Structures are given as structure tokens and as C-alpha cells.
Protein backbone atom coordinates (compact mmCIF):
# COMPACT_ATOMS: atom_id res chain seq x y z
CA MET A 1 20.75 12.50 -16.97
CA ILE A 2 21.89 15.54 -18.98
CA ARG A 3 25.25 15.47 -17.23
CA HIS A 4 25.63 11.79 -18.18
CA ALA A 5 24.75 12.53 -21.83
CA LEU A 6 27.27 15.39 -21.94
CA SER A 7 29.93 13.10 -20.45
CA LEU A 8 29.23 10.46 -23.10
CA THR A 9 29.37 13.06 -25.87
CA LEU A 10 32.67 14.41 -24.55
CA ALA A 11 34.10 10.90 -24.24
CA ALA A 12 33.04 10.07 -27.81
CA THR A 13 34.65 13.27 -29.08
CA VAL A 14 37.91 12.51 -27.28
CA LEU A 15 37.96 8.92 -28.57
CA THR A 16 37.28 10.08 -32.14
CA SER A 17 40.09 12.63 -31.88
CA CYS A 18 42.49 9.98 -30.62
CA ARG A 19 41.54 7.45 -33.31
CA ALA A 20 41.65 9.86 -36.23
CA PRO A 21 45.45 10.34 -36.22
CA ALA A 22 45.85 6.57 -35.91
CA ALA A 23 43.54 6.11 -38.92
CA ASP A 24 45.51 8.72 -40.88
CA GLU A 25 48.76 7.01 -39.93
CA ALA A 26 47.36 3.69 -41.16
CA LEU A 27 46.38 5.32 -44.47
CA ILE A 28 49.91 6.71 -44.86
CA ARG A 29 51.47 3.33 -44.05
CA ASP A 30 49.17 1.75 -46.64
CA ALA A 31 50.18 4.36 -49.25
CA ARG A 32 53.84 3.66 -48.43
CA ALA A 33 53.26 -0.07 -48.91
CA HIS A 34 51.69 0.61 -52.32
CA SER A 35 54.68 2.78 -53.20
CA ASN A 36 57.07 -0.05 -52.26
CA GLN A 37 55.01 -2.51 -54.33
CA ALA A 38 55.08 -0.17 -57.33
CA ILE A 39 58.86 0.09 -57.11
CA ALA A 40 59.22 -3.69 -56.88
CA ALA A 41 56.98 -4.04 -59.95
CA HIS A 42 58.83 -1.20 -61.76
CA ASP A 43 55.42 0.42 -62.30
CA THR A 44 56.10 4.14 -62.66
CA MET A 45 52.41 5.00 -63.13
CA ALA A 46 51.42 3.31 -59.86
CA LEU A 47 54.40 4.91 -58.15
CA ALA A 48 53.45 8.38 -59.37
CA ASN A 49 49.89 7.79 -58.15
CA VAL A 50 51.05 8.48 -54.58
CA TRP A 51 52.79 11.77 -55.53
CA LEU A 52 51.30 15.23 -55.75
CA PRO A 53 51.82 16.99 -59.12
CA GLU A 54 54.36 19.30 -57.42
CA TYR A 55 56.24 16.37 -55.81
CA VAL A 56 59.94 17.00 -55.12
CA SER A 57 62.57 14.38 -54.35
CA VAL A 58 66.25 14.41 -53.52
CA SER A 59 67.91 11.02 -54.04
CA SER A 60 70.77 9.57 -52.05
CA THR A 61 73.10 10.66 -54.88
CA ASN A 62 71.67 14.21 -54.64
CA ALA A 63 69.72 13.88 -57.91
CA GLN A 64 66.72 16.19 -57.73
CA SER A 65 63.34 15.68 -59.34
CA ILE A 66 60.93 18.57 -59.34
CA GLY A 67 57.44 17.55 -60.31
CA ARG A 68 55.72 14.20 -60.62
CA ASP A 69 56.60 13.79 -64.32
CA SER A 70 60.28 14.47 -63.69
CA ALA A 71 60.39 11.89 -60.89
CA ARG A 72 58.54 9.31 -62.97
CA THR A 73 61.07 9.81 -65.79
CA ARG A 74 63.97 9.39 -63.36
CA TYR A 75 62.54 6.14 -61.98
CA ALA A 76 61.91 4.83 -65.51
CA GLY A 77 65.60 5.46 -66.25
CA LEU A 78 66.65 3.61 -63.09
CA PHE A 79 64.42 0.66 -63.95
CA LYS A 80 65.90 0.52 -67.46
CA THR A 81 69.56 0.64 -66.39
CA ARG A 82 69.07 -1.55 -63.31
CA PRO A 83 66.54 -4.22 -64.35
CA ASP A 84 66.47 -5.90 -60.94
CA VAL A 85 66.57 -2.78 -58.73
CA VAL A 86 64.32 -2.76 -55.69
CA TYR A 87 64.00 -0.03 -53.08
CA VAL A 88 62.07 -0.48 -49.84
CA ARG A 89 61.13 2.36 -47.49
CA THR A 90 60.25 1.32 -43.95
CA PRO A 91 58.53 3.97 -41.84
CA GLU A 92 59.67 4.30 -38.25
CA SER A 93 57.77 7.45 -37.31
CA ILE A 94 54.67 9.11 -38.74
CA VAL A 95 53.37 12.26 -37.10
CA VAL A 96 50.06 13.67 -38.36
CA ASN A 97 48.86 17.26 -38.09
CA ARG A 98 45.16 16.75 -38.90
CA SER A 99 44.20 20.40 -38.70
CA TRP A 100 46.76 21.32 -41.38
CA GLY A 101 46.33 18.13 -43.40
CA GLN A 102 49.99 17.23 -43.37
CA ALA A 103 52.21 14.53 -41.92
CA ALA A 104 55.89 13.84 -41.38
CA GLU A 105 57.31 10.39 -42.03
CA SER A 106 60.83 9.21 -41.29
CA GLY A 107 62.41 5.82 -41.49
CA HIS A 108 65.06 3.73 -43.16
CA TRP A 109 65.37 2.59 -46.76
CA THR A 110 67.25 -0.15 -48.54
CA GLY A 111 68.13 -0.72 -52.17
CA ARG A 112 69.48 -3.67 -54.11
CA TRP A 113 70.52 -4.25 -57.71
CA THR A 114 73.02 -6.27 -59.73
CA GLN A 115 75.98 -4.71 -61.50
CA ALA A 116 78.70 -6.38 -63.58
CA ASP A 117 80.99 -6.59 -60.54
CA GLY A 118 78.42 -7.76 -57.99
CA VAL A 119 75.23 -7.06 -56.13
CA THR A 120 74.98 -3.55 -54.76
CA LEU A 121 73.36 -3.11 -51.35
CA VAL A 122 72.59 0.42 -50.20
CA GLY A 123 70.60 1.91 -47.38
CA GLY A 124 70.04 4.89 -45.20
CA ARG A 125 67.51 7.29 -43.74
CA TYR A 126 64.64 9.08 -45.41
CA PHE A 127 62.25 11.88 -44.60
CA ALA A 128 58.89 12.51 -46.26
CA LYS A 129 56.16 15.12 -46.12
CA TRP A 130 52.61 14.03 -46.87
CA ARG A 131 49.55 16.18 -47.61
CA LYS A 132 45.95 15.10 -47.37
CA VAL A 133 44.10 16.12 -50.52
CA GLY A 134 40.57 15.03 -51.29
CA GLY A 135 40.68 12.45 -48.51
CA ARG A 136 43.92 10.87 -49.81
CA TRP A 137 47.41 11.13 -48.37
CA LEU A 138 49.88 12.04 -51.12
CA LEU A 139 53.61 12.71 -51.03
CA LEU A 140 54.78 16.29 -51.43
CA THR A 141 58.48 15.57 -50.88
CA GLU A 142 61.00 12.85 -50.05
CA ILE A 143 64.68 13.15 -49.14
CA PHE A 144 67.01 10.14 -49.03
CA VAL A 145 70.37 10.02 -47.27
CA GLN A 146 72.63 7.04 -47.95
CA THR A 147 74.47 5.72 -44.89
CA SER A 148 75.63 2.32 -46.15
CA CYS A 149 76.87 0.79 -49.39
CA SER A 150 78.48 -2.54 -50.18
CA GLY A 151 78.98 -5.14 -52.87
CA SER A 152 80.18 -3.33 -55.98
CA ASN A 153 82.34 -0.52 -57.36
CA TYR A 154 79.26 1.71 -57.26
CA CYS A 155 80.17 2.30 -53.62
CA ASN A 156 83.56 3.74 -54.60
CA GLN A 157 81.98 6.62 -56.56
CA PRO A 158 80.41 9.06 -54.09
CA PRO A 159 78.29 11.80 -55.65
């Protein structure tokens, strides 16, 4: 009887350990979806809500934002100069290190906006580092690498 109880306890512990990373991954995917929605809505406050105060980003044009306020200002500028801009990040891999409260995300991104000479379509790869703080997954850093561009003269002006 004791052996059976110990086996059940061990099995429950193993199942909980296996589910926890999946639950954390789901939380990160949900945070990413909210981030994509905030970009589509041009809502810089909602977008910044998923960033840590010390958030750092490197855009596909090598523009760097250091700090949440700096990144929010940069996005506000993009939304002003490109009124129909939309960026979508699609995770392909999320790896969680529960004991350190951090996760790695990688995937592909796309962007679209209208310029005087046509619709610009861009895309590429991205890498993100998440940290779990107070039970929430927040972005510490994101790096974007552009691998495709078409539709306007924007593509003829590499950074």
C-alpha cells in the first residue's frame, strides 16, 4: 500500500513537471498574441505591457531601443509615419527554463504597410528572451533579422 502511494506521488510529480513547461509555453504564446494584437491596433501602451522596464530591441534596420519607454516611442513614430503598418510575429520554437524563470522564443515575422510607390512586404526571423516575473512572462529582448522585402523602393535602401 505504501509502495503504491509512493508510486502515485512520483507519477503525479512527473506529470506536473511535464505539464508546467507546456503551461508556461502557452502563457508565452498568449502574451505573443496580445503583442501582435497591440501592434495591429497601434496601441503602444498595450504593447509595452508585455515588456520589462529594461527591454531591449534591435529592429530589422538595426535600430536599437534600450528600455521600455524608448521602444514605445519608436513604435509610436512608426505608427505615425506608417498609418497602416502591421507586424506579426509567429513563434516556431519556445524553450522554457523553469528553474531560471526564462525562455527562448524564435520564429518568423512579417510586416506590411503602404508607401507612395506601393505596398511594402517584409519578413524574416526573430529571437526573443522572456523572463517570468511575478507569475507573468515578459519580454527582456527581441532581435529581428529581415530576410525578405518586396513591393516598394523601401527595399532598395538597406540599412
